[in-house]
PDB file of N, CA and C in Angstrom:
ATOM      1  N   MET A   1     111.749  90.392 123.523  1.00  0.00           N
ATOM      2  CA  MET A   1     110.788  90.889 122.553  1.00  0.00           C
ATOM      3  C   MET A   1     111.137  92.307 122.105  1.00  0.00           C
ATOM      4  N   VAL A   2     111.607  93.122 123.041  1.00  0.00           N
ATOM      5  CA  VAL A   2     111.963  94.495 122.702  1.00  0.00           C
ATOM      6  C   VAL A   2     113.120  94.502 121.706  1.00  0.00           C
ATOM      7  N   VAL A   3     114.092  93.649 121.936  1.00  0.00           N
ATOM      8  CA  VAL A   3     115.236  93.574 121.022  1.00  0.00           C
ATOM      9  C   VAL A   3     114.773  93.130 119.634  1.00  0.00           C
ATOM     10  N   LEU A   4     113.888  92.158 119.575  1.00  0.00           N
ATOM     11  CA  LEU A   4     113.359  91.694 118.298  1.00  0.00           C
ATOM     12  C   LEU A   4     112.623  92.823 117.583  1.00  0.00           C
ATOM     13  N   ALA A   5     111.824  93.579 118.324  1.00  0.00           N
ATOM     14  CA  ALA A   5     111.103  94.702 117.727  1.00  0.00           C
ATOM     15  C   ALA A   5     112.071  95.747 117.177  1.00  0.00           C
ATOM     16  N   LYS A   6     113.126  96.039 117.912  1.00  0.00           N
ATOM     17  CA  LYS A   6     114.113  97.018 117.441  1.00  0.00           C
ATOM     18  C   LYS A   6     114.864  96.502 116.218  1.00  0.00           C
ATOM     19  N   VAL A   7     115.159  95.217 116.189  1.00  0.00           N
ATOM     20  CA  VAL A   7     115.827  94.632 115.023  1.00  0.00           C
ATOM     21  C   VAL A   7     114.929  94.745 113.800  1.00  0.00           C
ATOM     22  N   ARG A   8     113.652  94.417 113.958  1.00  0.00           N
ATOM     23  CA  ARG A   8     112.708  94.524 112.829  1.00  0.00           C
ATOM     24  C   ARG A   8     112.561  95.970 112.374  1.00  0.00           C
ATOM     25  N   LEU A   9     112.542  96.873 113.324  1.00  0.00           N
ATOM     26  CA  LEU A   9     112.436  98.289 112.999  1.00  0.00           C
ATOM     27  C   LEU A   9     113.647  98.741 112.189  1.00  0.00           C
ATOM     28  N   LEU A  10     114.820  98.379 112.635  1.00  0.00           N
ATOM     29  CA  LEU A  10     116.045  98.759 111.928  1.00  0.00           C
ATOM     30  C   LEU A  10     116.166  98.069 110.573  1.00  0.00           C
ATOM     31  N   SER A  11     115.754  96.815 110.510  1.00  0.00           N
ATOM     32  CA  SER A  11     115.874  96.082 109.249  1.00  0.00           C
ATOM     33  C   SER A  11     114.845  96.539 108.214  1.00  0.00           C
ATOM     34  N   ALA A  12     113.786  97.179 108.652  1.00  0.00           N
ATOM     35  CA  ALA A  12     112.774  97.662 107.710  1.00  0.00           C
ATOM     36  C   ALA A  12     113.320  98.794 106.844  1.00  0.00           C
ATOM     37  N   ASN A  13     114.282  99.535 107.374  1.00  0.00           N
ATOM     38  CA  ASN A  13     114.931 100.611 106.637  1.00  0.00           C
ATOM     39  C   ASN A  13     113.909 101.609 106.062  1.00  0.00           C
ATOM     40  N   ARG A  14     112.908 101.906 106.868  1.00  0.00           N
ATOM     41  CA  ARG A  14     111.879 102.885 106.498  1.00  0.00           C
ATOM     42  C   ARG A  14     111.694 103.847 107.654  1.00  0.00           C
ATOM     43  N   ARG A  15     111.193 105.013 107.331  1.00  0.00           N
ATOM     44  CA  ARG A  15     110.970 106.016 108.373  1.00  0.00           C
ATOM     45  C   ARG A  15     109.891 105.552 109.351  1.00  0.00           C
ATOM     46  N   VAL A  16     108.818 104.991 108.804  1.00  0.00           N
ATOM     47  CA  VAL A  16     107.727 104.459 109.625  1.00  0.00           C
ATOM     48  C   VAL A  16     107.363 103.087 109.077  1.00  0.00           C
ATOM     49  N   VAL A  17     107.319 102.105 109.941  1.00  0.00           N
ATOM     50  CA  VAL A  17     106.888 100.755 109.545  1.00  0.00           C
ATOM     51  C   VAL A  17     105.372 100.732 109.658  1.00  0.00           C
ATOM     52  N   ARG A  18     104.730 100.343 108.594  1.00  0.00           N
ATOM     53  CA  ARG A  18     103.264 100.372 108.545  1.00  0.00           C
ATOM     54  C   ARG A  18     102.679  98.970 108.670  1.00  0.00           C
ATOM     55  N   GLY A  19     101.368  98.930 108.730  1.00  0.00           N
ATOM     56  CA  GLY A  19     100.653  97.661 108.748  1.00  0.00           C
ATOM     57  C   GLY A  19     100.709  96.959 110.094  1.00  0.00           C
ATOM     58  N   ALA A  20     100.371  95.689 110.054  1.00  0.00           N
ATOM     59  CA  ALA A  20     100.320  94.888 111.283  1.00  0.00           C
ATOM     60  C   ALA A  20     101.683  94.816 111.952  1.00  0.00           C
ATOM     61  N   GLU A  21     102.743  94.730 111.150  1.00  0.00           N
ATOM     62  CA  GLU A  21     104.081  94.678 111.726  1.00  0.00           C
ATOM     63  C   GLU A  21     104.401  95.984 112.455  1.00  0.00           C
ATOM     64  N   GLY A  22     104.047  97.108 111.858  1.00  0.00           N
ATOM     65  CA  GLY A  22     104.271  98.395 112.499  1.00  0.00           C
ATOM     66  C   GLY A  22     103.494  98.518 113.799  1.00  0.00           C
ATOM     67  N   LEU A  23     102.252  98.053 113.795  1.00  0.00           N
ATOM     68  CA  LEU A  23     101.456  98.082 115.027  1.00  0.00           C
ATOM     69  C   LEU A  23     102.139  97.276 116.126  1.00  0.00           C
ATOM     70  N   TRP A  24     102.591  96.088 115.776  1.00  0.00           N
ATOM     71  CA  TRP A  24     103.257  95.236 116.763  1.00  0.00           C
ATOM     72  C   TRP A  24     104.515  95.913 117.302  1.00  0.00           C
ATOM     73  N   ILE A  25     105.346  96.412 116.389  1.00  0.00           N
ATOM     74  CA  ILE A  25     106.605  97.047 116.792  1.00  0.00           C
ATOM     75  C   ILE A  25     106.351  98.260 117.677  1.00  0.00           C
ATOM     76  N   TYR A  26     105.509  99.178 117.212  1.00  0.00           N
ATOM     77  CA  TYR A  26     105.321 100.433 117.951  1.00  0.00           C
ATOM     78  C   TYR A  26     104.532 100.241 119.242  1.00  0.00           C
ATOM     79  N   ARG A  27     103.601  99.300 119.258  1.00  0.00           N
ATOM     80  CA  ARG A  27     102.894  99.028 120.514  1.00  0.00           C
ATOM     81  C   ARG A  27     103.872  98.526 121.578  1.00  0.00           C
ATOM     82  N   LEU A  28     104.741  97.642 121.160  1.00  0.00           N
ATOM     83  CA  LEU A  28     105.718  97.095 122.102  1.00  0.00           C
ATOM     84  C   LEU A  28     106.722  98.157 122.537  1.00  0.00           C
ATOM     85  N   LEU A  29     107.294  98.872 121.600  1.00  0.00           N
ATOM     86  CA  LEU A  29     108.322  99.855 121.932  1.00  0.00           C
ATOM     87  C   LEU A  29     107.760 101.077 122.659  1.00  0.00           C
ATOM     88  N   ALA A  30     106.508 101.415 122.404  1.00  0.00           N
ATOM     89  CA  ALA A  30     105.895 102.558 123.101  1.00  0.00           C
ATOM     90  C   ALA A  30     105.693 102.254 124.587  1.00  0.00           C
ATOM     91  N   GLN A  31     105.595 100.985 124.940  1.00  0.00           N
ATOM     92  CA  GLN A  31     105.499 100.630 126.353  1.00  0.00           C
ATOM     93  C   GLN A  31     106.807 100.896 127.072  1.00  0.00           C
ATOM     94  N   VAL A  32     107.916 100.730 126.355  1.00  0.00           N
ATOM     95  CA  VAL A  32     109.241 100.894 126.937  1.00  0.00           C
ATOM     96  C   VAL A  32     109.717 102.343 126.845  1.00  0.00           C
ATOM     97  N   GLU A  33     109.497 102.962 125.675  1.00  0.00           N
ATOM     98  CA  GLU A  33     109.933 104.334 125.436  1.00  0.00           C
ATOM     99  C   GLU A  33     108.804 105.120 124.770  1.00  0.00           C
ATOM    100  N   PRO A  34     107.796 105.507 125.565  1.00  0.00           N
ATOM    101  CA  PRO A  34     106.607 106.144 124.975  1.00  0.00           C
ATOM    102  C   PRO A  34     106.895 107.470 124.264  1.00  0.00           C
ATOM    103  N   GLU A  35     107.819 108.233 124.754  1.00  0.00           N
ATOM    104  CA  GLU A  35     108.093 109.529 124.124  1.00  0.00           C
ATOM    105  C   GLU A  35     108.809 109.382 122.790  1.00  0.00           C
ATOM    106  N   VAL A  36     109.485 108.281 122.605  1.00  0.00           N
ATOM    107  CA  VAL A  36     110.218 108.053 121.357  1.00  0.00           C
ATOM    108  C   VAL A  36     109.306 107.420 120.304  1.00  0.00           C
ATOM    109  N   TYR A  37     108.505 106.440 120.706  1.00  0.00           N
ATOM    110  CA  TYR A  37     107.729 105.658 119.744  1.00  0.00           C
ATOM    111  C   TYR A  37     106.227 105.938 119.769  1.00  0.00           C
ATOM    112  N   GLY A  38     105.749 106.709 120.729  1.00  0.00           N
ATOM    113  CA  GLY A  38     104.318 106.970 120.850  1.00  0.00           C
ATOM    114  C   GLY A  38     103.730 107.683 119.651  1.00  0.00           C
ATOM    115  N   SER A  39     104.419 108.692 119.136  1.00  0.00           N
ATOM    116  CA  SER A  39     103.867 109.438 118.006  1.00  0.00           C
ATOM    117  C   SER A  39     103.791 108.562 116.753  1.00  0.00           C
ATOM    118  N   LYS A  40     104.761 107.678 116.571  1.00  0.00           N
ATOM    119  CA  LYS A  40     104.711 106.769 115.421  1.00  0.00           C
ATOM    120  C   LYS A  40     103.599 105.743 115.600  1.00  0.00           C
ATOM    121  N   LEU A  41     103.356 105.326 116.844  1.00  0.00           N
ATOM    122  CA  LEU A  41     102.241 104.420 117.099  1.00  0.00           C
ATOM    123  C   LEU A  41     100.921 105.097 116.744  1.00  0.00           C
ATOM    124  N   VAL A  42     100.759 106.342 117.143  1.00  0.00           N
ATOM    125  CA  VAL A  42      99.533 107.082 116.808  1.00  0.00           C
ATOM    126  C   VAL A  42      99.370 107.146 115.292  1.00  0.00           C
ATOM    127  N   TYR A  43     100.438 107.483 114.598  1.00  0.00           N
ATOM    128  CA  TYR A  43     100.411 107.593 113.139  1.00  0.00           C
ATOM    129  C   TYR A  43      99.933 106.284 112.507  1.00  0.00           C
ATOM    130  N   VAL A  44     100.508 105.168 112.935  1.00  0.00           N
ATOM    131  CA  VAL A  44     100.168 103.867 112.356  1.00  0.00           C
ATOM    132  C   VAL A  44      98.752 103.445 112.747  1.00  0.00           C
ATOM    133  N   LEU A  45      98.340 103.738 113.977  1.00  0.00           N
ATOM    134  CA  LEU A  45      96.970 103.404 114.395  1.00  0.00           C
ATOM    135  C   LEU A  45      95.945 104.135 113.534  1.00  0.00           C
ATOM    136  N   VAL A  46      96.157 105.417 113.310  1.00  0.00           N
ATOM    137  CA  VAL A  46      95.220 106.194 112.485  1.00  0.00           C
ATOM    138  C   VAL A  46      95.232 105.653 111.060  1.00  0.00           C
ATOM    139  N   GLU A  47      96.411 105.384 110.541  1.00  0.00           N
ATOM    140  CA  GLU A  47      96.526 104.849 109.187  1.00  0.00           C
ATOM    141  C   GLU A  47      95.810 103.499 109.066  1.00  0.00           C
ATOM    142  N   GLU A  48      96.015 102.639 110.034  1.00  0.00           N
ATOM    143  CA  GLU A  48      95.401 101.304 109.989  1.00  0.00           C
ATOM    144  C   GLU A  48      93.884 101.347 110.158  1.00  0.00           C
ATOM    145  N   SER A  49      93.368 102.394 110.787  1.00  0.00           N
ATOM    146  CA  SER A  49      91.915 102.504 110.939  1.00  0.00           C
ATOM    147  C   SER A  49      91.234 102.683 109.583  1.00  0.00           C
ATOM    148  N   GLY A  50      91.980 103.095 108.583  1.00  0.00           N
ATOM    149  CA  GLY A  50      91.442 103.229 107.232  1.00  0.00           C
ATOM    150  C   GLY A  50      91.779 102.054 106.331  1.00  0.00           C
ATOM    151  N   SER A  51      92.369 101.033 106.880  1.00  0.00           N
ATOM    152  CA  SER A  51      92.792  99.866 106.117  1.00  0.00           C
ATOM    153  C   SER A  51      91.596  99.074 105.593  1.00  0.00           C
ATOM    154  N   PRO A  52      91.752  98.472 104.421  1.00  0.00           N
ATOM    155  CA  PRO A  52      90.681  97.605 103.900  1.00  0.00           C
ATOM    156  C   PRO A  52      90.361  96.432 104.825  1.00  0.00           C
ATOM    157  N   LEU A  53      91.313  96.042 105.672  1.00  0.00           N
ATOM    158  CA  LEU A  53      91.082  94.913 106.582  1.00  0.00           C
ATOM    159  C   LEU A  53      90.002  95.214 107.615  1.00  0.00           C
ATOM    160  N   VAL A  54      89.799  96.492 107.928  1.00  0.00           N
ATOM    161  CA  VAL A  54      88.786  96.857 108.929  1.00  0.00           C
ATOM    162  C   VAL A  54      87.669  97.703 108.327  1.00  0.00           C
ATOM    163  N   ARG A  55      87.596  97.730 106.998  1.00  0.00           N
ATOM    164  CA  ARG A  55      86.585  98.547 106.313  1.00  0.00           C
ATOM    165  C   ARG A  55      85.167  98.233 106.781  1.00  0.00           C
ATOM    166  N   GLU A  56      84.875  96.968 106.973  1.00  0.00           N
ATOM    167  CA  GLU A  56      83.528  96.545 107.365  1.00  0.00           C
ATOM    168  C   GLU A  56      83.390  96.324 108.868  1.00  0.00           C
ATOM    169  N   LEU A  57      84.342  96.807 109.645  1.00  0.00           N
ATOM    170  CA  LEU A  57      84.327  96.609 111.092  1.00  0.00           C
ATOM    171  C   LEU A  57      84.401  97.959 111.808  1.00  0.00           C
ATOM    172  N   PRO A  58      83.301  98.699 111.861  1.00  0.00           N
ATOM    173  CA  PRO A  58      83.349 100.038 112.454  1.00  0.00           C
ATOM    174  C   PRO A  58      83.781 100.045 113.914  1.00  0.00           C
ATOM    175  N   GLU A  59      83.436  99.013 114.659  1.00  0.00           N
ATOM    176  CA  GLU A  59      83.838  98.976 116.067  1.00  0.00           C
ATOM    177  C   GLU A  59      85.351  98.792 116.194  1.00  0.00           C
ATOM    178  N   ARG A  60      85.951  98.069 115.272  1.00  0.00           N
ATOM    179  CA  ARG A  60      87.407  97.881 115.274  1.00  0.00           C
ATOM    180  C   ARG A  60      88.114  99.176 114.865  1.00  0.00           C
ATOM    181  N   ARG A  61      87.576  99.866 113.860  1.00  0.00           N
ATOM    182  CA  ARG A  61      88.151 101.155 113.451  1.00  0.00           C
ATOM    183  C   ARG A  61      88.113 102.137 114.608  1.00  0.00           C
ATOM    184  N   LEU A  62      86.989 102.186 115.291  1.00  0.00           N
ATOM    185  CA  LEU A  62      86.847 103.108 116.418  1.00  0.00           C
ATOM    186  C   LEU A  62      87.788 102.720 117.563  1.00  0.00           C
ATOM    187  N   ALA A  63      87.981 101.429 117.796  1.00  0.00           N
ATOM    188  CA  ALA A  63      88.906 100.985 118.842  1.00  0.00           C
ATOM    189  C   ALA A  63      90.338 101.415 118.521  1.00  0.00           C
ATOM    190  N   LEU A  64      90.740 101.298 117.256  1.00  0.00           N
ATOM    191  CA  LEU A  64      92.076 101.754 116.852  1.00  0.00           C
ATOM    192  C   LEU A  64      92.227 103.260 117.076  1.00  0.00           C
ATOM    193  N   LEU A  65      91.188 104.013 116.735  1.00  0.00           N
ATOM    194  CA  LEU A  65      91.255 105.468 116.895  1.00  0.00           C
ATOM    195  C   LEU A  65      91.204 105.879 118.365  1.00  0.00           C
ATOM    196  N   ASP A  66      90.439 105.157 119.170  1.00  0.00           N
ATOM    197  CA  ASP A  66      90.440 105.423 120.616  1.00  0.00           C
ATOM    198  C   ASP A  66      91.823 105.186 121.205  1.00  0.00           C
ATOM    199  N   GLU A  67      92.457 104.107 120.773  1.00  0.00           N
ATOM    200  CA  GLU A  67      93.815 103.815 121.235  1.00  0.00           C
ATOM    201  C   GLU A  67      94.768 104.929 120.802  1.00  0.00           C
ATOM    202  N   ALA A  68      94.619 105.407 119.572  1.00  0.00           N
ATOM    203  CA  ALA A  68      95.481 106.481 119.069  1.00  0.00           C
ATOM    204  C   ALA A  68      95.323 107.746 119.910  1.00  0.00           C
ATOM    205  N   VAL A  69      94.089 108.095 120.245  1.00  0.00           N
ATOM    206  CA  VAL A  69      93.836 109.280 121.073  1.00  0.00           C
ATOM    207  C   VAL A  69      94.459 109.099 122.452  1.00  0.00           C
ATOM    208  N   ASP A  70      94.284 107.934 123.042  1.00  0.00           N
ATOM    209  CA  ASP A  70      94.849 107.668 124.373  1.00  0.00           C
ATOM    210  C   ASP A  70      96.376 107.768 124.365  1.00  0.00           C
ATOM    211  N   VAL A  71      97.003 107.199 123.354  1.00  0.00           N
ATOM    212  CA  VAL A  71      98.461 107.243 123.262  1.00  0.00           C
ATOM    213  C   VAL A  71      98.930 108.682 123.078  1.00  0.00           C
ATOM    214  N   ALA A  72      98.258 109.424 122.214  1.00  0.00           N
ATOM    215  CA  ALA A  72      98.649 110.822 121.975  1.00  0.00           C
ATOM    216  C   ALA A  72      98.479 111.667 123.228  1.00  0.00           C
ATOM    217  N   LYS A  73      97.400 111.456 123.958  1.00  0.00           N
ATOM    218  CA  LYS A  73      97.178 112.210 125.193  1.00  0.00           C
ATOM    219  C   LYS A  73      98.225 111.887 126.248  1.00  0.00           C
ATOM    220  N   ALA A  74      98.737 110.666 126.225  1.00  0.00           N
ATOM    221  CA  ALA A  74      99.719 110.240 127.216  1.00  0.00           C
ATOM    222  C   ALA A  74     101.110 110.807 126.957  1.00  0.00           C
ATOM    223  N   LEU A  75     101.344 111.305 125.750  1.00  0.00           N
ATOM    224  CA  LEU A  75     102.649 111.897 125.450  1.00  0.00           C
ATOM    225  C   LEU A  75     102.850 113.157 126.286  1.00  0.00           C
ATOM    226  N   SER A  76     104.074 113.421 126.620  1.00  0.00           N
ATOM    227  CA  SER A  76     104.425 114.613 127.389  1.00  0.00           C
ATOM    228  C   SER A  76     104.085 115.869 126.591  1.00  0.00           C
ATOM    229  N   THR A  77     103.660 116.903 127.287  1.00  0.00           N
ATOM    230  CA  THR A  77     103.374 118.165 126.602  1.00  0.00           C
ATOM    231  C   THR A  77     104.635 118.764 126.000  1.00  0.00           C
ATOM    232  N   ALA A  78     105.797 118.319 126.452  1.00  0.00           N
ATOM    233  CA  ALA A  78     107.063 118.787 125.891  1.00  0.00           C
ATOM    234  C   ALA A  78     107.408 118.065 124.586  1.00  0.00           C
ATOM    235  N   ASN A  79     106.712 116.986 124.282  1.00  0.00           N
ATOM    236  CA  ASN A  79     106.965 116.235 123.059  1.00  0.00           C
ATOM    237  C   ASN A  79     106.552 117.081 121.858  1.00  0.00           C
ATOM    238  N   PRO A  80     107.463 117.338 120.916  1.00  0.00           N
ATOM    239  CA  PRO A  80     107.149 118.223 119.794  1.00  0.00           C
ATOM    240  C   PRO A  80     106.081 117.667 118.851  1.00  0.00           C
ATOM    241  N   TYR A  81     105.805 116.374 118.893  1.00  0.00           N
ATOM    242  CA  TYR A  81     104.818 115.772 118.001  1.00  0.00           C
ATOM    243  C   TYR A  81     103.457 115.561 118.666  1.00  0.00           C
ATOM    244  N   ARG A  82     103.363 115.835 119.955  1.00  0.00           N
ATOM    245  CA  ARG A  82     102.137 115.543 120.700  1.00  0.00           C
ATOM    246  C   ARG A  82     100.911 116.232 120.105  1.00  0.00           C
ATOM    247  N   GLU A  83     100.973 117.529 119.931  1.00  0.00           N
ATOM    248  CA  GLU A  83      99.800 118.276 119.450  1.00  0.00           C
ATOM    249  C   GLU A  83      99.385 117.835 118.054  1.00  0.00           C
ATOM    250  N   LYS A  84     100.357 117.647 117.181  1.00  0.00           N
ATOM    251  CA  LYS A  84     100.052 117.232 115.812  1.00  0.00           C
ATOM    252  C   LYS A  84      99.404 115.849 115.789  1.00  0.00           C
ATOM    253  N   MET A  85      99.956 114.925 116.551  1.00  0.00           N
ATOM    254  CA  MET A  85      99.424 113.563 116.567  1.00  0.00           C
ATOM    255  C   MET A  85      98.060 113.499 117.265  1.00  0.00           C
ATOM    256  N   LEU A  86      97.902 114.288 118.332  1.00  0.00           N
ATOM    257  CA  LEU A  86      96.614 114.325 119.019  1.00  0.00           C
ATOM    258  C   LEU A  86      95.545 114.909 118.103  1.00  0.00           C
ATOM    259  N   ALA A  87      95.873 115.975 117.399  1.00  0.00           N
ATOM    260  CA  ALA A  87      94.917 116.578 116.463  1.00  0.00           C
ATOM    261  C   ALA A  87      94.554 115.592 115.355  1.00  0.00           C
ATOM    262  N   ARG A  88      95.544 114.876 114.853  1.00  0.00           N
ATOM    263  CA  ARG A  88      95.299 113.891 113.795  1.00  0.00           C
ATOM    264  C   ARG A  88      94.387 112.769 114.293  1.00  0.00           C
ATOM    265  N   ALA A  89      94.660 112.261 115.486  1.00  0.00           N
ATOM    266  CA  ALA A  89      93.857 111.166 116.041  1.00  0.00           C
ATOM    267  C   ALA A  89      92.433 111.626 116.348  1.00  0.00           C
ATOM    268  N   LEU A  90      92.298 112.813 116.933  1.00  0.00           N
ATOM    269  CA  LEU A  90      90.961 113.325 117.251  1.00  0.00           C
ATOM    270  C   LEU A  90      90.154 113.599 115.987  1.00  0.00           C
ATOM    271  N   ALA A  91      90.792 114.135 114.964  1.00  0.00           N
ATOM    272  CA  ALA A  91      90.090 114.405 113.707  1.00  0.00           C
ATOM    273  C   ALA A  91      89.627 113.108 113.054  1.00  0.00           C
ATOM    274  N   ALA A  92      90.479 112.108 113.043  1.00  0.00           N
ATOM    275  CA  ALA A  92      90.104 110.821 112.456  1.00  0.00           C
ATOM    276  C   ALA A  92      88.966 110.175 113.246  1.00  0.00           C
ATOM    277  N   ARG A  93      89.045 110.281 114.555  1.00  0.00           N
ATOM    278  CA  ARG A  93      87.993 109.720 115.399  1.00  0.00           C
ATOM    279  C   ARG A  93      86.671 110.444 115.163  1.00  0.00           C
ATOM    280  N   GLN A  94      86.722 111.759 115.042  1.00  0.00           N
ATOM    281  CA  GLN A  94      85.512 112.535 114.789  1.00  0.00           C
ATOM    282  C   GLN A  94      84.918 112.179 113.423  1.00  0.00           C
ATOM    283  N   ARG A  95      85.775 112.012 112.412  1.00  0.00           N
ATOM    284  CA  ARG A  95      85.284 111.600 111.086  1.00  0.00           C
ATOM    285  C   ARG A  95      84.606 110.239 111.169  1.00  0.00           C
ATOM    286  N   GLU A  96      85.213 109.326 111.920  1.00  0.00           N
ATOM    287  CA  GLU A  96      84.640 107.989 112.064  1.00  0.00           C
ATOM    288  C   GLU A  96      83.286 108.054 112.757  1.00  0.00           C
ATOM    289  N   LEU A  97      83.188 108.835 113.808  1.00  0.00           N
ATOM    290  CA  LEU A  97      81.914 108.970 114.518  1.00  0.00           C
ATOM    291  C   LEU A  97      80.877 109.634 113.626  1.00  0.00           C
ATOM    292  N   GLY A  98      81.288 110.630 112.861  1.00  0.00           N
ATOM    293  CA  GLY A  98      80.377 111.310 111.940  1.00  0.00           C
ATOM    294  C   GLY A  98      79.921 110.399 110.819  1.00  0.00           C
ATOM    295  N   ALA A  99      80.837 109.589 110.305  1.00  0.00           N
ATOM    296  CA  ALA A  99      80.501 108.663 109.228  1.00  0.00           C
ATOM    297  C   ALA A  99      79.521 107.605 109.720  1.00  0.00           C
ATOM    298  N   GLY A 100      79.711 107.141 110.928  1.00  0.00           N
ATOM    299  CA  GLY A 100      78.799 106.145 111.494  1.00  0.00           C
ATOM    300  C   GLY A 100      77.412 106.708 111.706  1.00  0.00           C
ATOM    301  N   ALA A 101      77.338 107.985 112.077  1.00  0.00           N
ATOM    302  CA  ALA A 101      76.037 108.626 112.287  1.00  0.00           C
ATOM    303  C   ALA A 101      75.374 108.979 110.969  1.00  0.00           C
ATOM    304  N   ALA A 102      76.166 109.264 109.923  1.00  0.00           N
ATOM    305  CA  ALA A 102      75.606 109.710 108.652  1.00  0.00           C
ATOM    306  C   ALA A 102      75.043 108.559 107.824  1.00  0.00           C
ATOM    307  N   LYS A 103      75.627 107.382 107.917  1.00  0.00           N
ATOM    308  CA  LYS A 103      75.206 106.276 107.066  1.00  0.00           C
ATOM    309  C   LYS A 103      73.735 105.911 107.238  1.00  0.00           C
ATOM    310  N   PRO A 104      73.221 105.738 108.470  1.00  0.00           N
ATOM    311  CA  PRO A 104      71.808 105.361 108.579  1.00  0.00           C
ATOM    312  C   PRO A 104      70.870 106.428 108.012  1.00  0.00           C
ATOM    313  N   ARG A 105      71.195 107.697 108.178  1.00  0.00           N
ATOM    314  CA  ARG A 105      70.334 108.749 107.646  1.00  0.00           C
ATOM    315  C   ARG A 105      70.297 108.688 106.131  1.00  0.00           C
ATOM    316  N   GLU A 106      71.428 108.484 105.477  1.00  0.00           N
ATOM    317  CA  GLU A 106      71.464 108.434 104.021  1.00  0.00           C
ATOM    318  C   GLU A 106      70.689 107.226 103.498  1.00  0.00           C
ATOM    319  N   LEU A 107      70.804 106.098 104.181  1.00  0.00           N
ATOM    320  CA  LEU A 107      70.090 104.908 103.737  1.00  0.00           C
ATOM    321  C   LEU A 107      68.587 105.062 103.912  1.00  0.00           C
ATOM    322  N   ASN A 108      68.166 105.793 104.918  1.00  0.00           N
ATOM    323  CA  ASN A 108      66.747 105.972 105.194  1.00  0.00           C
ATOM    324  C   ASN A 108      66.207 107.275 104.630  1.00  0.00           C
ATOM    325  N   ASP A 109      66.971 107.942 103.796  1.00  0.00           N
ATOM    326  CA  ASP A 109      66.564 109.226 103.227  1.00  0.00           C
ATOM    327  C   ASP A 109      65.347 109.012 102.328  1.00  0.00           C
ATOM    328  N   PRO A 110      64.189 109.620 102.669  1.00  0.00           N
ATOM    329  CA  PRO A 110      62.986 109.396 101.870  1.00  0.00           C
ATOM    330  C   PRO A 110      63.103 109.962 100.463  1.00  0.00           C
ATOM    331  N   ALA A 111      63.980 110.927 100.244  1.00  0.00           N
ATOM    332  CA  ALA A 111      64.119 111.528  98.924  1.00  0.00           C
ATOM    333  C   ALA A 111      64.928 110.647  97.982  1.00  0.00           C
ATOM    334  N   GLY A 112      65.533 109.625  98.489  1.00  0.00           N
ATOM    335  CA  GLY A 112      66.251 108.668  97.660  1.00  0.00           C
ATOM    336  C   GLY A 112      67.536 109.212  97.069  1.00  0.00           C
ATOM    337  N   ASP A 113      67.443 109.915  95.945  1.00  0.00           N
ATOM    338  CA  ASP A 113      68.651 110.348  95.255  1.00  0.00           C
ATOM    339  C   ASP A 113      69.153 111.710  95.718  1.00  0.00           C
ATOM    340  N   VAL A 114      68.611 112.257  96.791  1.00  0.00           N
ATOM    341  CA  VAL A 114      69.046 113.558  97.288  1.00  0.00           C
ATOM    342  C   VAL A 114      70.395 113.455  97.982  1.00  0.00           C
ATOM    343  N   ALA A 115      70.663 112.355  98.665  1.00  0.00           N
ATOM    344  CA  ALA A 115      71.915 112.222  99.419  1.00  0.00           C
ATOM    345  C   ALA A 115      73.148 112.379  98.534  1.00  0.00           C
ATOM    346  N   PRO A 116      73.252 111.717  97.351  1.00  0.00           N
ATOM    347  CA  PRO A 116      74.442 111.932  96.520  1.00  0.00           C
ATOM    348  C   PRO A 116      74.569 113.366  96.042  1.00  0.00           C
ATOM    349  N   THR A 117      73.437 114.018  95.716  1.00  0.00           N
ATOM    350  CA  THR A 117      73.477 115.413  95.295  1.00  0.00           C
ATOM    351  C   THR A 117      73.990 116.276  96.427  1.00  0.00           C
ATOM    352  N   ARG A 118      73.545 116.003  97.624  1.00  0.00           N
ATOM    353  CA  ARG A 118      73.995 116.754  98.797  1.00  0.00           C
ATOM    354  C   ARG A 118      75.501 116.581  98.972  1.00  0.00           C
ATOM    355  N   LEU A 119      76.002 115.377  98.748  1.00  0.00           N
ATOM    356  CA  LEU A 119      77.442 115.129  98.857  1.00  0.00           C
ATOM    357  C   LEU A 119      78.203 115.952  97.817  1.00  0.00           C
ATOM    358  N   LEU A 120      77.661 116.038  96.606  1.00  0.00           N
ATOM    359  CA  LEU A 120      78.321 116.829  95.576  1.00  0.00           C
ATOM    360  C   LEU A 120      78.341 118.303  95.952  1.00  0.00           C
ATOM    361  N   ASP A 121      77.217 118.800  96.478  1.00  0.00           N
ATOM    362  CA  ASP A 121      77.143 120.199  96.888  1.00  0.00           C
ATOM    363  C   ASP A 121      78.127 120.512  97.995  1.00  0.00           C
ATOM    364  N   GLU A 122      78.363 119.533  98.871  1.00  0.00           N
ATOM    365  CA  GLU A 122      79.272 119.751 100.004  1.00  0.00           C
ATOM    366  C   GLU A 122      80.705 119.429  99.639  1.00  0.00           C
ATOM    367  N   GLY A 123      80.969 119.042  98.406  1.00  0.00           N
ATOM    368  CA  GLY A 123      82.328 118.721  97.994  1.00  0.00           C
ATOM    369  C   GLY A 123      82.792 117.369  98.458  1.00  0.00           C
ATOM    370  N   GLY A 124      81.855 116.473  98.785  1.00  0.00           N
ATOM    371  CA  GLY A 124      82.216 115.181  99.315  1.00  0.00           C
ATOM    372  C   GLY A 124      82.642 114.166  98.263  1.00  0.00           C
ATOM    373  N   LEU A 125      82.253 114.376  97.008  1.00  0.00           N
ATOM    374  CA  LEU A 125      82.621 113.408  95.976  1.00  0.00           C
ATOM    375  C   LEU A 125      83.562 114.028  94.981  1.00  0.00           C
TER     376      LEU A 125
END
């Protein structure tokens, strides 16, 4: 399986393989060589958490981001990409948690049309 993953990685002829194929490749290769493929796995996990395939699945998005944080934390402190990838994963996870907490308040906002105005004031739209 590792050889197949490396062949697919090389045949993709891209810096980072994205999507489901990238997840499969980097998850497998990060088990064998975590310092080499872990940062790319984090990158793809964070990217996939914003995919339209999981748009309506907040628990799945959060699971992808939790995995990204765990992988980034497991990287050696000597890894030059560790801090950047950990910061990226933590920021995405925090945004996801914040978005999940914000949605019910906006839907239940008694002022009705105040929420979009608030978003404009905060630079959200």
